[in-house]
Amino acid sequence: MAHSAYDFSHKPTLVGERVTLRPVTEDDVPALLPMFEDPEIARLTGGHSRFDEPALRRWYGSRAVQADRLDLAVVERATGRVVGEAVLNEWDPDNESCAFRICFSPAGIGRGLGTEATRLIVGHAFEGLGLYRVWLEVYAFNPRARRAYEKAGFRTEGVLRGALRWEGERVDATVMAMLAPEWAASAGRDTR
């Protein structure tokens, strides 16, 4: 049964060939902690904040009751390990739109898991939640992520010039989005 765009409170489990996306919990923090401690991941995501484990446990422990966003853990099916998170946030119900972000711990990067996780959560946004637009921002110094988003069907909409200040330098962010008709036309297939 499809849920309306007014029902982000439903926290689904989405199963793919290589990954399962399931509601994130505070028990996932030990597996996600390397994602917050890795300096290269912080750079690629523009993460200026520093987190400690108790704060992360409080944050992830509160995700189940959030009705305006969806935070899912990415679990590698072959090992059962949590390797990252996939998130729909910045929900705009009037315009049937939300933002998407995804991040992996070092152990989950570069193995194609993000491509499948992206397709699963974006498919849920369109098919399960009835959204029309899913958008994201990717920084200029993260071409690998940009290529992954393009493969998943996201299209460039524009550039936010100097959007991030990283170590004294200004970095552009590219805004990318996918619309429901584009998703339906590709049926979530790799658009390489």
N, C-alpha and C. Protein backbone atom coordinates (compact mmCIF):
# COMPACT_ATOMS: atom_id res chain seq x y z
N MET A 1 0.84 -1.19 0.00
CA MET A 1 0.00 0.00 0.00
C MET A 1 0.88 1.24 0.00
N ALA A 2 0.64 2.15 -0.91
CA ALA A 2 1.41 3.38 -0.97
C ALA A 2 0.97 4.32 0.14
N HIS A 3 1.94 5.02 0.68
CA HIS A 3 1.65 6.02 1.70
C HIS A 3 1.63 7.37 1.03
N SER A 4 0.84 8.27 1.57
CA SER A 4 0.78 9.61 1.00
C SER A 4 2.02 10.39 1.38
N ALA A 5 2.19 11.53 0.71
CA ALA A 5 3.31 12.40 1.01
C ALA A 5 3.21 12.96 2.42
N TYR A 6 2.08 12.74 3.08
CA TYR A 6 1.90 13.25 4.43
C TYR A 6 2.23 12.19 5.47
N ASP A 7 2.95 11.14 5.09
CA ASP A 7 3.18 10.06 6.02
C ASP A 7 4.65 9.65 6.09
N PHE A 8 5.53 10.58 6.43
CA PHE A 8 6.93 10.25 6.65
C PHE A 8 7.11 9.51 7.97
N SER A 9 6.05 9.40 8.75
CA SER A 9 6.15 8.70 10.03
C SER A 9 6.31 7.19 9.82
N HIS A 10 5.88 6.67 8.68
CA HIS A 10 6.08 5.25 8.37
C HIS A 10 7.56 5.04 8.03
N LYS A 11 8.21 4.15 8.75
CA LYS A 11 9.65 3.88 8.57
C LYS A 11 9.80 2.49 7.95
N PRO A 12 9.91 2.42 6.62
CA PRO A 12 9.92 1.13 5.95
C PRO A 12 11.27 0.42 6.02
N THR A 13 11.26 -0.85 5.67
CA THR A 13 12.47 -1.61 5.39
C THR A 13 12.44 -1.88 3.89
N LEU A 14 13.50 -1.48 3.20
CA LEU A 14 13.58 -1.62 1.75
C LEU A 14 14.70 -2.61 1.42
N VAL A 15 14.38 -3.65 0.69
CA VAL A 15 15.34 -4.73 0.46
C VAL A 15 15.78 -4.76 -1.00
N GLY A 16 17.09 -4.70 -1.21
CA GLY A 16 17.67 -4.83 -2.54
C GLY A 16 18.49 -6.10 -2.62
N GLU A 17 19.23 -6.24 -3.71
CA GLU A 17 20.06 -7.43 -3.89
C GLU A 17 21.26 -7.43 -2.95
N ARG A 18 21.88 -6.26 -2.77
CA ARG A 18 23.12 -6.18 -1.99
C ARG A 18 22.96 -5.45 -0.66
N VAL A 19 21.93 -4.61 -0.56
CA VAL A 19 21.73 -3.86 0.67
C VAL A 19 20.27 -3.91 1.11
N THR A 20 20.09 -3.74 2.40
CA THR A 20 18.77 -3.53 2.99
C THR A 20 18.82 -2.18 3.68
N LEU A 21 17.78 -1.39 3.48
CA LEU A 21 17.62 -0.13 4.19
C LEU A 21 16.55 -0.36 5.24
N ARG A 22 16.88 -0.05 6.49
CA ARG A 22 15.93 -0.24 7.58
C ARG A 22 16.03 0.94 8.52
N PRO A 23 15.01 1.15 9.35
CA PRO A 23 15.06 2.29 10.28
C PRO A 23 16.33 2.26 11.12
N VAL A 24 16.98 3.40 11.20
CA VAL A 24 18.21 3.52 11.98
C VAL A 24 17.86 3.63 13.46
N THR A 25 18.73 3.10 14.31
CA THR A 25 18.50 3.16 15.76
C THR A 25 19.80 3.59 16.45
N GLU A 26 19.69 3.88 17.73
CA GLU A 26 20.90 4.26 18.47
C GLU A 26 21.89 3.11 18.55
N ASP A 27 21.43 1.87 18.41
CA ASP A 27 22.34 0.72 18.42
C ASP A 27 23.24 0.68 17.19
N ASP A 28 22.92 1.47 16.16
CA ASP A 28 23.74 1.53 14.95
C ASP A 28 24.92 2.47 15.10
N VAL A 29 24.96 3.26 16.16
CA VAL A 29 25.99 4.28 16.32
C VAL A 29 27.41 3.71 16.25
N PRO A 30 27.74 2.60 16.93
CA PRO A 30 29.11 2.09 16.81
C PRO A 30 29.54 1.82 15.36
N ALA A 31 28.61 1.32 14.54
CA ALA A 31 28.93 1.05 13.13
C ALA A 31 29.03 2.34 12.32
N LEU A 32 28.26 3.37 12.70
CA LEU A 32 28.26 4.63 11.96
C LEU A 32 29.35 5.59 12.42
N LEU A 33 29.88 5.39 13.61
CA LEU A 33 30.87 6.32 14.17
C LEU A 33 32.05 6.59 13.23
N PRO A 34 32.61 5.58 12.53
CA PRO A 34 33.71 5.88 11.61
C PRO A 34 33.34 6.88 10.52
N MET A 35 32.08 6.94 10.17
CA MET A 35 31.59 7.88 9.16
C MET A 35 31.77 9.32 9.65
N PHE A 36 31.64 9.52 10.95
CA PHE A 36 31.75 10.86 11.53
C PHE A 36 33.19 11.21 11.89
N GLU A 37 34.03 10.21 12.02
CA GLU A 37 35.42 10.43 12.44
C GLU A 37 36.39 10.53 11.29
N ASP A 38 36.00 10.11 10.09
CA ASP A 38 36.90 10.08 8.94
C ASP A 38 37.04 11.47 8.34
N PRO A 39 38.27 12.03 8.27
CA PRO A 39 38.44 13.39 7.75
C PRO A 39 38.06 13.54 6.28
N GLU A 40 38.27 12.52 5.47
CA GLU A 40 37.92 12.62 4.05
C GLU A 40 36.40 12.62 3.87
N ILE A 41 35.69 11.84 4.63
CA ILE A 41 34.23 11.85 4.56
C ILE A 41 33.71 13.21 5.01
N ALA A 42 34.29 13.77 6.06
CA ALA A 42 33.89 15.11 6.52
C ALA A 42 34.09 16.13 5.40
N ARG A 43 35.21 16.05 4.69
CA ARG A 43 35.47 16.98 3.59
C ARG A 43 34.45 16.81 2.47
N LEU A 44 34.20 15.58 2.04
CA LEU A 44 33.31 15.34 0.92
C LEU A 44 31.87 15.72 1.22
N THR A 45 31.48 15.64 2.48
CA THR A 45 30.11 16.00 2.86
C THR A 45 30.01 17.41 3.42
N GLY A 46 31.14 18.10 3.56
CA GLY A 46 31.13 19.46 4.10
C GLY A 46 30.79 19.49 5.57
N GLY A 47 31.11 18.39 6.28
CA GLY A 47 30.76 18.28 7.69
C GLY A 47 31.72 19.01 8.60
N HIS A 48 31.33 20.18 9.07
CA HIS A 48 32.17 20.95 9.99
C HIS A 48 32.00 20.52 11.44
N SER A 49 30.86 19.91 11.74
CA SER A 49 30.55 19.57 13.13
C SER A 49 31.35 18.37 13.61
N ARG A 50 31.64 18.37 14.88
CA ARG A 50 32.26 17.21 15.53
C ARG A 50 31.20 16.58 16.41
N PHE A 51 31.16 15.27 16.42
CA PHE A 51 30.13 14.56 17.17
C PHE A 51 30.78 13.63 18.18
N ASP A 52 30.09 13.45 19.29
CA ASP A 52 30.55 12.44 20.24
C ASP A 52 29.49 11.34 20.29
N GLU A 53 29.88 10.19 20.78
CA GLU A 53 28.99 9.04 20.76
C GLU A 53 27.68 9.28 21.52
N PRO A 54 27.69 9.87 22.73
CA PRO A 54 26.41 10.10 23.41
C PRO A 54 25.46 11.00 22.61
N ALA A 55 26.00 12.03 21.97
CA ALA A 55 25.15 12.92 21.16
C ALA A 55 24.58 12.15 19.96
N LEU A 56 25.41 11.33 19.33
CA LEU A 56 24.93 10.54 18.20
C LEU A 56 23.87 9.53 18.65
N ARG A 57 24.05 8.95 19.81
CA ARG A 57 23.05 7.99 20.32
C ARG A 57 21.70 8.69 20.55
N ARG A 58 21.75 9.90 21.09
CA ARG A 58 20.50 10.66 21.29
C ARG A 58 19.84 10.95 19.93
N TRP A 59 20.66 11.42 18.98
CA TRP A 59 20.14 11.76 17.64
C TRP A 59 19.51 10.54 16.98
N TYR A 60 20.26 9.46 16.85
CA TYR A 60 19.74 8.28 16.16
C TYR A 60 18.62 7.62 16.95
N GLY A 61 18.63 7.73 18.25
CA GLY A 61 17.55 7.19 19.07
C GLY A 61 16.23 7.92 18.87
N SER A 62 16.29 9.14 18.35
CA SER A 62 15.07 9.94 18.15
C SER A 62 14.52 9.86 16.73
N ARG A 63 15.17 9.15 15.85
CA ARG A 63 14.77 9.14 14.44
C ARG A 63 13.42 8.45 14.20
N ALA A 64 13.08 7.47 14.99
CA ALA A 64 11.85 6.70 14.76
C ALA A 64 10.58 7.54 14.92
N VAL A 65 10.65 8.60 15.70
CA VAL A 65 9.46 9.41 15.95
C VAL A 65 9.39 10.67 15.08
N GLN A 66 10.32 10.83 14.17
CA GLN A 66 10.32 12.01 13.30
C GLN A 66 9.35 11.80 12.15
N ALA A 67 8.31 12.61 12.07
CA ALA A 67 7.29 12.46 11.04
C ALA A 67 7.59 13.28 9.79
N ASP A 68 8.66 14.11 9.83
CA ASP A 68 8.96 14.98 8.68
C ASP A 68 10.24 14.58 7.96
N ARG A 69 10.79 13.39 8.29
CA ARG A 69 12.02 12.93 7.64
C ARG A 69 12.11 11.42 7.79
N LEU A 70 12.97 10.83 6.97
CA LEU A 70 13.17 9.39 7.00
C LEU A 70 14.66 9.10 7.04
N ASP A 71 15.12 8.50 8.13
CA ASP A 71 16.53 8.14 8.31
C ASP A 71 16.63 6.62 8.32
N LEU A 72 17.33 6.07 7.33
CA LEU A 72 17.47 4.62 7.22
C LEU A 72 18.93 4.21 7.28
N ALA A 73 19.20 3.12 7.98
CA ALA A 73 20.54 2.53 8.00
C ALA A 73 20.71 1.70 6.74
N VAL A 74 21.91 1.75 6.15
CA VAL A 74 22.23 0.91 5.00
C VAL A 74 22.98 -0.30 5.54
N VAL A 75 22.40 -1.47 5.34
CA VAL A 75 22.98 -2.72 5.84
C VAL A 75 23.43 -3.55 4.65
N GLU A 76 24.70 -3.94 4.65
CA GLU A 76 25.22 -4.82 3.60
C GLU A 76 24.66 -6.22 3.86
N ARG A 77 23.92 -6.75 2.91
CA ARG A 77 23.24 -8.03 3.12
C ARG A 77 24.22 -9.19 3.32
N ALA A 78 25.33 -9.17 2.61
CA ALA A 78 26.27 -10.29 2.68
C ALA A 78 26.88 -10.45 4.07
N THR A 79 27.06 -9.34 4.78
CA THR A 79 27.72 -9.38 6.09
C THR A 79 26.81 -9.03 7.25
N GLY A 80 25.67 -8.37 6.95
CA GLY A 80 24.79 -7.91 8.01
C GLY A 80 25.29 -6.65 8.70
N ARG A 81 26.39 -6.06 8.18
CA ARG A 81 26.98 -4.86 8.80
C ARG A 81 26.30 -3.59 8.33
N VAL A 82 26.10 -2.66 9.26
CA VAL A 82 25.65 -1.31 8.91
C VAL A 82 26.84 -0.58 8.31
N VAL A 83 26.68 -0.08 7.07
CA VAL A 83 27.80 0.57 6.39
C VAL A 83 27.52 2.04 6.07
N GLY A 84 26.31 2.52 6.38
CA GLY A 84 26.00 3.92 6.09
C GLY A 84 24.56 4.25 6.41
N GLU A 85 24.17 5.43 5.92
CA GLU A 85 22.79 5.88 6.11
C GLU A 85 22.29 6.54 4.84
N ALA A 86 20.98 6.48 4.64
CA ALA A 86 20.31 7.14 3.53
C ALA A 86 19.14 7.92 4.15
N VAL A 87 18.99 9.18 3.74
CA VAL A 87 18.06 10.08 4.42
C VAL A 87 17.23 10.87 3.41
N LEU A 88 15.92 10.96 3.69
CA LEU A 88 15.05 11.92 3.02
C LEU A 88 14.71 12.97 4.07
N ASN A 89 15.00 14.24 3.78
CA ASN A 89 14.75 15.31 4.74
C ASN A 89 14.36 16.58 4.00
N GLU A 90 14.29 17.68 4.74
CA GLU A 90 13.88 18.98 4.18
C GLU A 90 12.59 18.83 3.38
N TRP A 91 11.66 18.12 3.97
CA TRP A 91 10.38 17.82 3.35
C TRP A 91 9.56 19.08 3.13
N ASP A 92 9.03 19.21 1.93
CA ASP A 92 8.15 20.32 1.56
C ASP A 92 6.84 19.70 1.06
N PRO A 93 5.88 19.44 1.98
CA PRO A 93 4.66 18.74 1.57
C PRO A 93 3.82 19.50 0.55
N ASP A 94 3.81 20.83 0.61
CA ASP A 94 3.02 21.61 -0.34
C ASP A 94 3.49 21.41 -1.78
N ASN A 95 4.79 21.19 -1.95
CA ASN A 95 5.35 21.03 -3.29
C ASN A 95 5.76 19.58 -3.58
N GLU A 96 5.40 18.67 -2.67
CA GLU A 96 5.69 17.23 -2.85
C GLU A 96 7.16 17.00 -3.18
N SER A 97 8.01 17.58 -2.33
CA SER A 97 9.45 17.57 -2.58
C SER A 97 10.20 17.29 -1.29
N CYS A 98 11.38 16.70 -1.42
CA CYS A 98 12.26 16.55 -0.27
C CYS A 98 13.70 16.44 -0.77
N ALA A 99 14.61 16.62 0.16
CA ALA A 99 16.04 16.46 -0.13
C ALA A 99 16.43 15.02 0.16
N PHE A 100 17.54 14.62 -0.44
CA PHE A 100 18.10 13.29 -0.24
C PHE A 100 19.58 13.45 0.09
N ARG A 101 20.04 12.63 1.02
CA ARG A 101 21.48 12.55 1.26
C ARG A 101 21.82 11.12 1.64
N ILE A 102 23.06 10.77 1.38
CA ILE A 102 23.54 9.43 1.69
C ILE A 102 25.00 9.56 2.11
N CYS A 103 25.40 8.73 3.06
CA CYS A 103 26.78 8.76 3.53
C CYS A 103 27.16 7.35 3.97
N PHE A 104 28.41 7.00 3.74
CA PHE A 104 28.90 5.68 4.10
C PHE A 104 30.12 5.77 5.00
N SER A 105 30.29 4.75 5.81
CA SER A 105 31.53 4.60 6.57
C SER A 105 32.62 4.18 5.58
N PRO A 106 33.89 4.34 5.94
CA PRO A 106 34.95 3.97 5.01
C PRO A 106 34.82 2.53 4.47
N ALA A 107 34.33 1.61 5.27
CA ALA A 107 34.21 0.21 4.86
C ALA A 107 33.16 0.00 3.76
N GLY A 108 32.25 0.94 3.61
CA GLY A 108 31.19 0.78 2.63
C GLY A 108 31.39 1.53 1.33
N ILE A 109 32.47 2.29 1.22
CA ILE A 109 32.69 3.18 0.07
C ILE A 109 33.32 2.42 -1.10
N GLY A 110 32.88 2.77 -2.31
CA GLY A 110 33.54 2.30 -3.53
C GLY A 110 33.18 0.88 -3.94
N ARG A 111 32.06 0.36 -3.44
CA ARG A 111 31.70 -1.01 -3.78
C ARG A 111 30.33 -1.12 -4.43
N GLY A 112 29.75 0.02 -4.84
CA GLY A 112 28.47 0.01 -5.53
C GLY A 112 27.26 -0.10 -4.62
N LEU A 113 27.50 -0.14 -3.32
CA LEU A 113 26.38 -0.26 -2.39
C LEU A 113 25.53 1.02 -2.38
N GLY A 114 26.19 2.16 -2.55
CA GLY A 114 25.48 3.44 -2.54
C GLY A 114 24.55 3.60 -3.71
N THR A 115 24.92 3.05 -4.85
CA THR A 115 24.06 3.15 -6.03
C THR A 115 22.74 2.42 -5.77
N GLU A 116 22.83 1.21 -5.24
CA GLU A 116 21.61 0.47 -4.95
C GLU A 116 20.81 1.13 -3.83
N ALA A 117 21.48 1.58 -2.78
CA ALA A 117 20.79 2.25 -1.67
C ALA A 117 20.06 3.50 -2.17
N THR A 118 20.70 4.25 -3.06
CA THR A 118 20.08 5.45 -3.64
C THR A 118 18.81 5.08 -4.38
N ARG A 119 18.90 4.06 -5.23
CA ARG A 119 17.72 3.65 -6.00
C ARG A 119 16.58 3.20 -5.08
N LEU A 120 16.93 2.49 -4.02
CA LEU A 120 15.89 2.00 -3.10
C LEU A 120 15.16 3.15 -2.42
N ILE A 121 15.90 4.10 -1.85
CA ILE A 121 15.24 5.18 -1.10
C ILE A 121 14.55 6.18 -2.02
N VAL A 122 15.15 6.45 -3.18
CA VAL A 122 14.51 7.37 -4.12
C VAL A 122 13.25 6.72 -4.70
N GLY A 123 13.33 5.42 -4.97
CA GLY A 123 12.14 4.70 -5.43
C GLY A 123 11.02 4.78 -4.40
N HIS A 124 11.39 4.66 -3.12
CA HIS A 124 10.38 4.78 -2.06
C HIS A 124 9.79 6.20 -2.04
N ALA A 125 10.63 7.21 -2.26
CA ALA A 125 10.14 8.59 -2.26
C ALA A 125 9.06 8.78 -3.33
N PHE A 126 9.30 8.24 -4.52
CA PHE A 126 8.34 8.42 -5.60
C PHE A 126 7.17 7.44 -5.52
N GLU A 127 7.47 6.17 -5.35
CA GLU A 127 6.44 5.14 -5.42
C GLU A 127 5.71 4.95 -4.09
N GLY A 128 6.41 5.07 -2.98
CA GLY A 128 5.80 4.83 -1.68
C GLY A 128 5.21 6.08 -1.04
N LEU A 129 5.87 7.23 -1.26
CA LEU A 129 5.42 8.47 -0.63
C LEU A 129 4.69 9.39 -1.59
N GLY A 130 4.75 9.10 -2.88
CA GLY A 130 4.04 9.92 -3.85
C GLY A 130 4.65 11.29 -4.08
N LEU A 131 5.95 11.44 -3.83
CA LEU A 131 6.59 12.73 -4.05
C LEU A 131 6.79 12.99 -5.54
N TYR A 132 6.96 14.27 -5.89
CA TYR A 132 7.19 14.66 -7.28
C TYR A 132 8.67 14.96 -7.55
N ARG A 133 9.38 15.48 -6.54
CA ARG A 133 10.76 15.93 -6.75
C ARG A 133 11.62 15.52 -5.57
N VAL A 134 12.79 14.96 -5.87
CA VAL A 134 13.80 14.65 -4.87
C VAL A 134 15.08 15.35 -5.32
N TRP A 135 15.68 16.12 -4.43
CA TRP A 135 16.86 16.90 -4.81
C TRP A 135 18.00 16.67 -3.83
N LEU A 136 19.18 17.08 -4.24
CA LEU A 136 20.37 16.96 -3.42
C LEU A 136 21.38 18.02 -3.82
N GLU A 137 22.39 18.17 -3.00
CA GLU A 137 23.54 19.02 -3.32
C GLU A 137 24.78 18.16 -3.22
N VAL A 138 25.72 18.37 -4.15
CA VAL A 138 26.99 17.66 -4.12
C VAL A 138 28.11 18.68 -4.36
N TYR A 139 29.15 18.60 -3.56
CA TYR A 139 30.24 19.58 -3.66
C TYR A 139 31.16 19.28 -4.84
N ALA A 140 31.76 20.35 -5.37
CA ALA A 140 32.60 20.23 -6.57
C ALA A 140 33.76 19.28 -6.38
N PHE A 141 34.25 19.12 -5.15
CA PHE A 141 35.39 18.21 -4.95
C PHE A 141 34.96 16.77 -4.68
N ASN A 142 33.72 16.43 -5.05
CA ASN A 142 33.24 15.06 -4.89
C ASN A 142 32.67 14.52 -6.21
N PRO A 143 33.52 14.44 -7.25
CA PRO A 143 33.02 13.99 -8.55
C PRO A 143 32.53 12.54 -8.55
N ARG A 144 33.08 11.70 -7.70
CA ARG A 144 32.63 10.30 -7.65
C ARG A 144 31.15 10.24 -7.23
N ALA A 145 30.77 11.02 -6.22
CA ALA A 145 29.38 11.04 -5.79
C ALA A 145 28.49 11.61 -6.89
N ARG A 146 28.95 12.67 -7.54
CA ARG A 146 28.15 13.26 -8.61
C ARG A 146 27.88 12.24 -9.70
N ARG A 147 28.90 11.48 -10.08
CA ARG A 147 28.71 10.45 -11.12
C ARG A 147 27.71 9.39 -10.65
N ALA A 148 27.78 9.00 -9.39
CA ALA A 148 26.83 8.01 -8.85
C ALA A 148 25.40 8.55 -8.91
N TYR A 149 25.22 9.83 -8.59
CA TYR A 149 23.89 10.42 -8.64
C TYR A 149 23.39 10.47 -10.09
N GLU A 150 24.27 10.82 -11.03
CA GLU A 150 23.90 10.82 -12.44
C GLU A 150 23.49 9.43 -12.90
N LYS A 151 24.24 8.41 -12.48
CA LYS A 151 23.90 7.03 -12.83
C LYS A 151 22.53 6.65 -12.30
N ALA A 152 22.17 7.17 -11.14
CA ALA A 152 20.88 6.86 -10.54
C ALA A 152 19.74 7.64 -11.20
N GLY A 153 20.07 8.64 -12.04
CA GLY A 153 19.05 9.39 -12.76
C GLY A 153 18.87 10.84 -12.36
N PHE A 154 19.70 11.32 -11.42
CA PHE A 154 19.62 12.73 -11.03
C PHE A 154 20.20 13.60 -12.15
N ARG A 155 19.59 14.78 -12.34
CA ARG A 155 20.05 15.73 -13.35
C ARG A 155 20.47 17.03 -12.67
N THR A 156 21.48 17.64 -13.25
CA THR A 156 21.97 18.92 -12.72
C THR A 156 20.95 20.01 -12.99
N GLU A 157 20.70 20.81 -11.95
CA GLU A 157 19.79 21.95 -12.07
C GLU A 157 20.53 23.28 -12.01
N GLY A 158 21.63 23.32 -11.29
CA GLY A 158 22.35 24.58 -11.17
C GLY A 158 23.49 24.45 -10.17
N VAL A 159 24.19 25.55 -10.00
CA VAL A 159 25.35 25.58 -9.11
C VAL A 159 25.15 26.67 -8.07
N LEU A 160 25.38 26.31 -6.81
CA LEU A 160 25.42 27.28 -5.73
C LEU A 160 26.89 27.67 -5.55
N ARG A 161 27.23 28.82 -6.05
CA ARG A 161 28.63 29.24 -6.07
C ARG A 161 29.12 29.55 -4.66
N GLY A 162 30.29 29.02 -4.32
CA GLY A 162 30.90 29.32 -3.04
C GLY A 162 30.06 28.90 -1.85
N ALA A 163 29.26 27.85 -1.98
CA ALA A 163 28.31 27.47 -0.94
C ALA A 163 28.97 26.93 0.32
N LEU A 164 30.16 26.37 0.18
CA LEU A 164 30.85 25.77 1.32
C LEU A 164 32.20 26.46 1.50
N ARG A 165 32.53 26.75 2.74
CA ARG A 165 33.87 27.24 3.05
C ARG A 165 34.61 26.08 3.71
N TRP A 166 35.62 25.57 3.04
CA TRP A 166 36.37 24.42 3.56
C TRP A 166 37.85 24.77 3.61
N GLU A 167 38.37 24.79 4.82
CA GLU A 167 39.78 25.11 5.05
C GLU A 167 40.20 26.38 4.32
N GLY A 168 39.37 27.40 4.45
CA GLY A 168 39.67 28.72 3.89
C GLY A 168 39.35 28.88 2.42
N GLU A 169 38.94 27.83 1.74
CA GLU A 169 38.61 27.90 0.31
C GLU A 169 37.10 27.83 0.14
N ARG A 170 36.60 28.48 -0.89
CA ARG A 170 35.18 28.42 -1.23
C ARG A 170 34.96 27.31 -2.26
N VAL A 171 33.95 26.49 -2.02
CA VAL A 171 33.66 25.35 -2.88
C VAL A 171 32.21 25.45 -3.37
N ASP A 172 32.02 25.23 -4.67
CA ASP A 172 30.68 25.24 -5.25
C ASP A 172 29.93 23.96 -4.90
N ALA A 173 28.62 24.07 -4.86
CA ALA A 173 27.75 22.90 -4.70
C ALA A 173 26.84 22.83 -5.92
N THR A 174 26.73 21.66 -6.50
CA THR A 174 25.82 21.44 -7.62
C THR A 174 24.51 20.91 -7.08
N VAL A 175 23.41 21.55 -7.48
CA VAL A 175 22.08 21.07 -7.12
C VAL A 175 21.63 20.11 -8.22
N MET A 176 21.22 18.92 -7.80
CA MET A 176 20.73 17.91 -8.73
C MET A 176 19.35 17.46 -8.25
N ALA A 177 18.52 17.03 -9.17
CA ALA A 177 17.19 16.55 -8.79
C ALA A 177 16.71 15.49 -9.76
N MET A 178 15.74 14.74 -9.29
CA MET A 178 15.02 13.80 -10.13
C MET A 178 13.53 14.04 -9.90
N LEU A 179 12.76 13.97 -10.97
CA LEU A 179 11.32 14.16 -10.89
C LEU A 179 10.62 12.82 -11.07
N ALA A 180 9.42 12.73 -10.53
CA ALA A 180 8.66 11.48 -10.60
C ALA A 180 8.53 10.94 -12.03
N PRO A 181 8.24 11.78 -13.04
CA PRO A 181 8.13 11.23 -14.40
C PRO A 181 9.46 10.66 -14.91
N GLU A 182 10.58 11.25 -14.48
CA GLU A 182 11.90 10.73 -14.88
C GLU A 182 12.15 9.37 -14.22
N TRP A 183 11.77 9.27 -12.95
CA TRP A 183 11.91 7.99 -12.25
C TRP A 183 11.07 6.92 -12.95
N ALA A 184 9.82 7.27 -13.25
CA ALA A 184 8.92 6.30 -13.88
C ALA A 184 9.44 5.87 -15.24
N ALA A 185 10.01 6.82 -15.99
CA ALA A 185 10.53 6.49 -17.34
C ALA A 185 11.73 5.56 -17.25
N SER A 186 12.54 5.72 -16.21
CA SER A 186 13.74 4.89 -16.09
C SER A 186 13.49 3.67 -15.23
N ALA A 187 12.39 3.67 -14.48
CA ALA A 187 12.05 2.61 -13.53
C ALA A 187 13.22 2.33 -12.60
N GLY A 188 14.00 3.38 -12.32
CA GLY A 188 15.11 3.25 -11.38
C GLY A 188 16.32 2.52 -11.93
N ARG A 189 16.34 2.31 -13.24
CA ARG A 189 17.47 1.60 -13.84
C ARG A 189 18.71 2.49 -13.89
N ASP A 190 19.84 1.88 -13.98
CA ASP A 190 21.11 2.57 -14.18
C ASP A 190 21.02 3.32 -15.50
N THR A 191 21.25 4.63 -15.48
CA THR A 191 21.10 5.44 -16.70
C THR A 191 22.44 5.80 -17.32
N ARG A 192 23.44 4.96 -17.10
CA ARG A 192 24.76 5.23 -17.68
C ARG A 192 24.69 5.46 -19.15
